[in-house]
Every structure is written in structure tokens, then in C-alpha cells.
């Protein structure tokens, strides 16, 4: 799968991208919301991991922008946040909310959920 990882903490973003690459996915990294939006509008990503607390634009604002624009990326959107209280607010914008820190098992489950969601979209289009 083509994956976009968006986190202003470069170590976190690069580590997650490396792990995804090790599992056979192709991961691209962005460290801010503006770059993420540009990549999502031009790239083909099947799943996007978005940190909520980005320095320029919140991850939820990036997600909202994608939902409201006609050039919406078909990416399965995953919120990554350390703020457990905000997860309920994100439910309508994201397909999944991951609480940081998350386990490798949780990460693999999200990827499987994205794959199943992608399969369902493909079946509906046929």
C-alpha cells in the first residue's frame, strides 16, 4: 500500500515510515499539514496517518479539508493523537483514531481495516 505519514516529530514520522516499509508498504513522510495537503491532492495514497498536533495546521483540519474539497484523496484517514479526550471529536473526520503510543499489532489492524475498506470501495465501483 502507498502510505502517507504526517507527524511534526521527525523521529516518530521516520520510524513509522521505516516500519511500514519493512512490512512491504511504500511510505512517504510529511512533517507539516501544508505539505500533507499538497501530497494528498497530487499523490495516490491508500492510507494516511495524521498527527493531530501539527505546527501549522491541525490534523483534523487537514482531514476536514480533504472531506470538503472535490479533489478528495481516497486515502483511509487515521488520526494519531496522544490526547484521549479528543478522539470522540475526530470520529466523523477519520476512519480510525489511534491513541499514541500504539502497538505494532494496532498498526497492523489499521492497515488490514484500510485494505478491507479499499476492497469494499472497489466492489461498489464494479
C-alpha atoms as a PDB file:
ATOM      1  CA  UNK A   1       0.000   0.000   0.000  1.00  0.00           C
ATOM      2  CA  UNK A   2       1.035   3.595  -0.587  1.00  0.00           C
ATOM      3  CA  UNK A   3       1.059   5.298   2.799  1.00  0.00           C
ATOM      4  CA  UNK A   4       1.472   8.914   3.885  1.00  0.00           C
ATOM      5  CA  UNK A   5       2.795   9.503   7.409  1.00  0.00           C
ATOM      6  CA  UNK A   6       2.306  13.042   8.760  1.00  0.00           C
ATOM      7  CA  UNK A   7       3.923  13.986  12.064  1.00  0.00           C
ATOM      8  CA  UNK A   8       5.969  17.034  13.057  1.00  0.00           C
ATOM      9  CA  UNK A   9       8.118  14.830  15.288  1.00  0.00           C
ATOM     10  CA  UNK A  10      10.588  13.710  12.635  1.00  0.00           C
ATOM     11  CA  UNK A  11      11.767  10.709  14.682  1.00  0.00           C
ATOM     12  CA  UNK A  12       8.205   9.429  15.048  1.00  0.00           C
ATOM     13  CA  UNK A  13       7.356  10.016  11.382  1.00  0.00           C
ATOM     14  CA  UNK A  14      10.566   8.473  10.076  1.00  0.00           C
ATOM     15  CA  UNK A  15      10.329   5.484  12.426  1.00  0.00           C
ATOM     16  CA  UNK A  16       6.730   4.750  11.458  1.00  0.00           C
ATOM     17  CA  UNK A  17       7.598   5.099   7.757  1.00  0.00           C
ATOM     18  CA  UNK A  18      10.566   2.748   8.209  1.00  0.00           C
ATOM     19  CA  UNK A  19       8.386   0.176   9.971  1.00  0.00           C
ATOM     20  CA  UNK A  20       5.756   0.376   7.223  1.00  0.00           C
ATOM     21  CA  UNK A  21       8.459  -0.009   4.581  1.00  0.00           C
ATOM     22  CA  UNK A  22       9.747  -3.107   6.421  1.00  0.00           C
ATOM     23  CA  UNK A  23       6.249  -4.603   6.139  1.00  0.00           C
ATOM     24  CA  UNK A  24       6.303  -4.076   2.369  1.00  0.00           C
ATOM     25  CA  UNK A  25       4.425  -0.796   2.096  1.00  0.00           C
ATOM     26  CA  UNK A  26       5.676   2.350   0.373  1.00  0.00           C
ATOM     27  CA  UNK A  27       5.697   5.176   2.932  1.00  0.00           C
ATOM     28  CA  UNK A  28       6.114   8.897   2.235  1.00  0.00           C
ATOM     29  CA  UNK A  29       6.647  11.360   5.091  1.00  0.00           C
ATOM     30  CA  UNK A  30       5.418  14.923   5.639  1.00  0.00           C
ATOM     31  CA  UNK A  31       6.298  16.947   8.726  1.00  0.00           C
ATOM     32  CA  UNK A  32       3.523  19.555   8.486  1.00  0.00           C
ATOM     33  CA  UNK A  33      -0.076  19.939   7.370  1.00  0.00           C
ATOM     34  CA  UNK A  34       0.552  22.112   4.294  1.00  0.00           C
ATOM     35  CA  UNK A  35       2.927  19.540   2.828  1.00  0.00           C
ATOM     36  CA  UNK A  36       0.468  16.782   3.673  1.00  0.00           C
ATOM     37  CA  UNK A  37      -2.356  18.568   1.837  1.00  0.00           C
ATOM     38  CA  UNK A  38      -0.173  19.111  -1.223  1.00  0.00           C
ATOM     39  CA  UNK A  39       0.872  15.456  -1.265  1.00  0.00           C
ATOM     40  CA  UNK A  40      -2.683  14.204  -0.720  1.00  0.00           C
ATOM     41  CA  UNK A  41      -4.007  16.315  -3.575  1.00  0.00           C
ATOM     42  CA  UNK A  42      -1.371  15.122  -6.019  1.00  0.00           C
ATOM     43  CA  UNK A  43      -0.406  11.667  -4.758  1.00  0.00           C
ATOM     44  CA  UNK A  44      -2.184   8.378  -4.640  1.00  0.00           C
ATOM     45  CA  UNK A  45      -2.222   7.204  -1.044  1.00  0.00           C
ATOM     46  CA  UNK A  46      -4.354   4.361   0.193  1.00  0.00           C
ATOM     47  CA  UNK A  47      -3.835   5.217   3.853  1.00  0.00           C
ATOM     48  CA  UNK A  48      -2.763   8.388   5.663  1.00  0.00           C
ATOM     49  CA  UNK A  49      -1.597   8.588   9.268  1.00  0.00           C
ATOM     50  CA  UNK A  50      -2.166  12.151  10.533  1.00  0.00           C
ATOM     51  CA  UNK A  51      -0.811  13.524  13.786  1.00  0.00           C
ATOM     52  CA  UNK A  52      -3.326  15.929  15.311  1.00  0.00           C
ATOM     53  CA  UNK A  53      -0.866  18.407  16.809  1.00  0.00           C
ATOM     54  CA  UNK A  54       0.983  19.681  13.756  1.00  0.00           C
ATOM     55  CA  UNK A  55       2.719  23.081  13.971  1.00  0.00           C
ATOM     56  CA  UNK A  56       0.860  24.791  11.122  1.00  0.00           C
ATOM     57  CA  UNK A  57      -2.492  23.056  10.596  1.00  0.00           C
ATOM     58  CA  UNK A  58      -4.127  20.551  12.918  1.00  0.00           C
ATOM     59  CA  UNK A  59      -4.523  17.036  11.528  1.00  0.00           C
ATOM     60  CA  UNK A  60      -8.297  17.337  11.903  1.00  0.00           C
ATOM     61  CA  UNK A  61      -8.244  20.478   9.730  1.00  0.00           C
ATOM     62  CA  UNK A  62      -6.307  18.571   7.063  1.00  0.00           C
ATOM     63  CA  UNK A  63      -8.911  15.789   7.233  1.00  0.00           C
ATOM     64  CA  UNK A  64     -11.805  18.257   7.089  1.00  0.00           C
ATOM     65  CA  UNK A  65     -10.254  19.978   4.080  1.00  0.00           C
ATOM     66  CA  UNK A  66      -9.999  16.650   2.260  1.00  0.00           C
ATOM     67  CA  UNK A  67     -13.624  15.809   3.036  1.00  0.00           C
ATOM     68  CA  UNK A  68     -14.861  19.225   1.834  1.00  0.00           C
ATOM     69  CA  UNK A  69     -12.914  19.529  -1.422  1.00  0.00           C
ATOM     70  CA  UNK A  70     -13.894  17.895  -4.693  1.00  0.00           C
ATOM     71  CA  UNK A  71     -10.292  16.699  -5.102  1.00  0.00           C
ATOM     72  CA  UNK A  72     -10.643  14.403  -2.108  1.00  0.00           C
ATOM     73  CA  UNK A  73      -7.939  11.835  -1.715  1.00  0.00           C
ATOM     74  CA  UNK A  74      -9.329   8.317  -1.436  1.00  0.00           C
ATOM     75  CA  UNK A  75      -6.930   7.728   1.435  1.00  0.00           C
ATOM     76  CA  UNK A  76      -8.142   5.864   4.508  1.00  0.00           C
ATOM     77  CA  UNK A  77      -7.581   8.518   7.192  1.00  0.00           C
ATOM     78  CA  UNK A  78      -6.052   7.623  10.550  1.00  0.00           C
ATOM     79  CA  UNK A  79      -5.729  10.143  13.366  1.00  0.00           C
ATOM     80  CA  UNK A  80      -2.718   9.742  15.644  1.00  0.00           C
ATOM     81  CA  UNK A  81      -3.052  11.598  18.915  1.00  0.00           C
ATOM     82  CA  UNK A  82      -1.850  11.431  22.474  1.00  0.00           C
ATOM     83  CA  UNK A  83      -4.977  13.262  23.639  1.00  0.00           C
ATOM     84  CA  UNK A  84      -7.541  10.623  24.591  1.00  0.00           C
ATOM     85  CA  UNK A  85     -10.244  13.261  25.200  1.00  0.00           C
ATOM     86  CA  UNK A  86     -10.203  14.486  21.607  1.00  0.00           C
ATOM     87  CA  UNK A  87     -10.752  11.121  19.913  1.00  0.00           C
ATOM     88  CA  UNK A  88     -14.534  11.401  20.019  1.00  0.00           C
ATOM     89  CA  UNK A  89     -14.401  14.706  18.152  1.00  0.00           C
ATOM     90  CA  UNK A  90     -12.332  13.141  15.368  1.00  0.00           C
ATOM     91  CA  UNK A  91     -14.580  10.141  14.767  1.00  0.00           C
ATOM     92  CA  UNK A  92     -16.536  11.823  11.971  1.00  0.00           C
ATOM     93  CA  UNK A  93     -13.395  13.022  10.157  1.00  0.00           C
ATOM     94  CA  UNK A  94     -11.264   9.897  10.373  1.00  0.00           C
ATOM     95  CA  UNK A  95     -11.756   6.250   9.579  1.00  0.00           C
ATOM     96  CA  UNK A  96      -9.726   5.268  12.667  1.00  0.00           C
ATOM     97  CA  UNK A  97      -8.269   7.073  15.688  1.00  0.00           C
ATOM     98  CA  UNK A  98      -5.052   5.635  17.141  1.00  0.00           C
ATOM     99  CA  UNK A  99      -4.050   6.622  20.653  1.00  0.00           C
ATOM    100  CA  UNK A 100      -0.292   7.273  20.947  1.00  0.00           C
ATOM    101  CA  UNK A 101       1.710   5.288  21.775  1.00  0.00           C
ATOM    102  CA  UNK A 102       0.202   2.402  19.834  1.00  0.00           C
ATOM    103  CA  UNK A 103       1.389  -1.159  19.393  1.00  0.00           C
ATOM    104  CA  UNK A 104       2.602  -2.814  16.233  1.00  0.00           C
ATOM    105  CA  UNK A 105      -0.491  -5.042  16.451  1.00  0.00           C
ATOM    106  CA  UNK A 106      -2.766  -1.993  16.466  1.00  0.00           C
ATOM    107  CA  UNK A 107      -0.889  -0.607  13.467  1.00  0.00           C
ATOM    108  CA  UNK A 108      -1.281  -3.862  11.528  1.00  0.00           C
ATOM    109  CA  UNK A 109      -5.003  -3.967  12.394  1.00  0.00           C
ATOM    110  CA  UNK A 110      -5.450  -0.450  10.996  1.00  0.00           C
ATOM    111  CA  UNK A 111      -3.705  -1.466   7.782  1.00  0.00           C
ATOM    112  CA  UNK A 112      -5.954  -4.509   7.498  1.00  0.00           C
ATOM    113  CA  UNK A 113      -9.019  -2.303   8.102  1.00  0.00           C
ATOM    114  CA  UNK A 114      -7.826   0.050   5.364  1.00  0.00           C
ATOM    115  CA  UNK A 115      -7.300  -2.870   2.995  1.00  0.00           C
ATOM    116  CA  UNK A 116     -10.817  -4.182   3.699  1.00  0.00           C
ATOM    117  CA  UNK A 117     -12.268  -0.694   3.224  1.00  0.00           C
ATOM    118  CA  UNK A 118     -10.405  -0.354  -0.073  1.00  0.00           C
ATOM    119  CA  UNK A 119     -11.755  -3.724  -1.211  1.00  0.00           C
ATOM    120  CA  UNK A 120     -15.301  -2.635  -0.371  1.00  0.00           C
ATOM    121  CA  UNK A 121     -14.937   0.596  -2.378  1.00  0.00           C
ATOM    122  CA  UNK A 122     -13.580  -1.374  -5.350  1.00  0.00           C
ATOM    123  CA  UNK A 123     -16.520  -3.802  -5.193  1.00  0.00           C
ATOM    124  CA  UNK A 124     -19.068  -0.960  -5.071  1.00  0.00           C
ATOM    125  CA  UNK A 125     -17.478   0.703  -8.105  1.00  0.00           C
ATOM    126  CA  UNK A 126     -17.619  -2.508 -10.174  1.00  0.00           C
END
